[in-house]
Amino acid sequence: MSLSKEGKAEIFAKHGKSATDTGSTEGQIALFTKRISDLTEHLKVNRKDYNTQRSLVKLVGKRRSLLDYLTKVDILRYRAIVAELGLRK
């Protein structure tokens, strides 16, 4: 369920500046997107897991706030990450 160090480094290398740049907005959004997709798959099997459902809603809110921040700071970076990750907005 959880990501390994290598998996996280791969996500940050692909979407951030480097594999060790864990603070970049794009890297955080990509990591949250991966975790959201994993939790969504878990909830398809375990419908009554309400703790996981709550953490999923919290993660979606965190990702949304980061996307809002990126919209205010640099709209081109926002559009690039949304297109790259296949997010709706």
Protein backbone atom coordinates (compact mmCIF):
# COMPACT_ATOMS: atom_id res chain seq x y z
CA MET A 1 0.00 0.00 0.00
CA SER A 2 2.67 2.51 0.98
CA LEU A 3 5.35 3.62 -1.42
CA SER A 4 8.95 2.56 -1.07
CA LYS A 5 11.84 5.00 -1.01
CA GLU A 6 12.65 4.12 -4.61
CA GLY A 7 9.07 4.71 -5.70
CA LYS A 8 8.98 8.12 -4.06
CA ALA A 9 12.37 9.05 -5.51
CA GLU A 10 11.12 8.05 -8.96
CA ILE A 11 8.03 10.25 -8.60
CA PHE A 12 10.09 13.22 -7.42
CA ALA A 13 12.67 12.70 -10.18
CA LYS A 14 9.97 12.65 -12.83
CA HIS A 15 7.88 15.57 -11.58
CA GLY A 16 10.31 17.59 -9.47
CA LYS A 17 13.74 19.03 -10.12
CA SER A 18 15.62 15.99 -8.80
CA ALA A 19 15.02 12.77 -6.88
CA THR A 20 15.95 14.48 -3.61
CA ASP A 21 13.81 17.58 -4.18
CA THR A 22 10.87 16.45 -2.05
CA GLY A 23 9.59 19.95 -1.37
CA SER A 24 8.67 21.00 -4.89
CA THR A 25 4.99 21.67 -5.42
CA GLU A 26 4.79 19.51 -8.53
CA GLY A 27 6.45 16.59 -6.75
CA GLN A 28 4.07 16.84 -3.81
CA ILE A 29 1.05 16.98 -6.12
CA ALA A 30 2.29 13.92 -8.02
CA LEU A 31 2.89 12.02 -4.77
CA PHE A 32 -0.59 12.90 -3.48
CA THR A 33 -2.10 11.82 -6.80
CA LYS A 34 -0.38 8.43 -6.56
CA ARG A 35 -1.54 7.96 -2.98
CA ILE A 36 -5.10 9.03 -3.91
CA SER A 37 -5.25 6.46 -6.71
CA ASP A 38 -3.97 3.74 -4.35
CA LEU A 39 -6.55 4.61 -1.70
CA THR A 40 -9.30 4.71 -4.30
CA GLU A 41 -8.45 1.17 -5.40
CA HIS A 42 -8.42 0.05 -1.75
CA LEU A 43 -11.84 1.57 -1.15
CA LYS A 44 -13.31 -0.19 -4.19
CA VAL A 45 -12.61 -3.49 -2.41
CA ASN A 46 -13.21 -2.35 1.19
CA ARG A 47 -16.29 -0.15 1.01
CA LYS A 48 -16.79 0.20 4.76
CA ASP A 49 -13.25 1.30 5.62
CA TYR A 50 -14.25 4.73 6.85
CA ASN A 51 -10.83 5.66 8.25
CA THR A 52 -9.29 5.23 4.81
CA GLN A 53 -12.18 7.17 3.31
CA ARG A 54 -11.51 10.06 5.67
CA SER A 55 -7.80 10.07 4.87
CA LEU A 56 -8.64 10.03 1.16
CA VAL A 57 -10.80 13.14 1.55
CA LYS A 58 -8.01 14.86 3.50
CA LEU A 59 -5.47 14.01 0.79
CA VAL A 60 -7.74 15.37 -1.93
CA GLY A 61 -8.07 18.60 0.06
CA LYS A 62 -4.29 18.90 0.46
CA ARG A 63 -3.77 18.33 -3.25
CA ARG A 64 -6.45 20.88 -4.06
CA SER A 65 -4.79 23.51 -1.86
CA LEU A 66 -1.42 22.87 -3.51
CA LEU A 67 -3.03 23.19 -6.93
CA ASP A 68 -4.65 26.47 -5.86
CA TYR A 69 -1.27 27.73 -4.65
CA LEU A 70 0.36 26.77 -7.95
CA THR A 71 -2.40 28.58 -9.84
CA LYS A 72 -1.63 31.79 -7.96
CA VAL A 73 2.15 31.48 -8.32
CA ASP A 74 2.62 30.19 -11.87
CA ILE A 75 -0.31 29.29 -14.11
CA LEU A 76 1.93 27.63 -16.72
CA ARG A 77 3.37 25.18 -14.18
CA TYR A 78 -0.19 24.49 -13.00
CA ARG A 79 -1.40 23.71 -16.52
CA ALA A 80 1.64 21.50 -17.17
CA ILE A 81 1.18 19.37 -14.03
CA VAL A 82 -2.57 19.00 -14.59
CA ALA A 83 -2.00 17.86 -18.16
CA GLU A 84 0.85 15.53 -17.14
CA LEU A 85 -1.10 13.84 -14.33
CA GLY A 86 -4.39 13.78 -16.19
CA LEU A 87 -6.35 15.72 -13.59
CA ARG A 88 -9.68 17.11 -14.66
CA LYS A 89 -9.17 20.74 -13.75
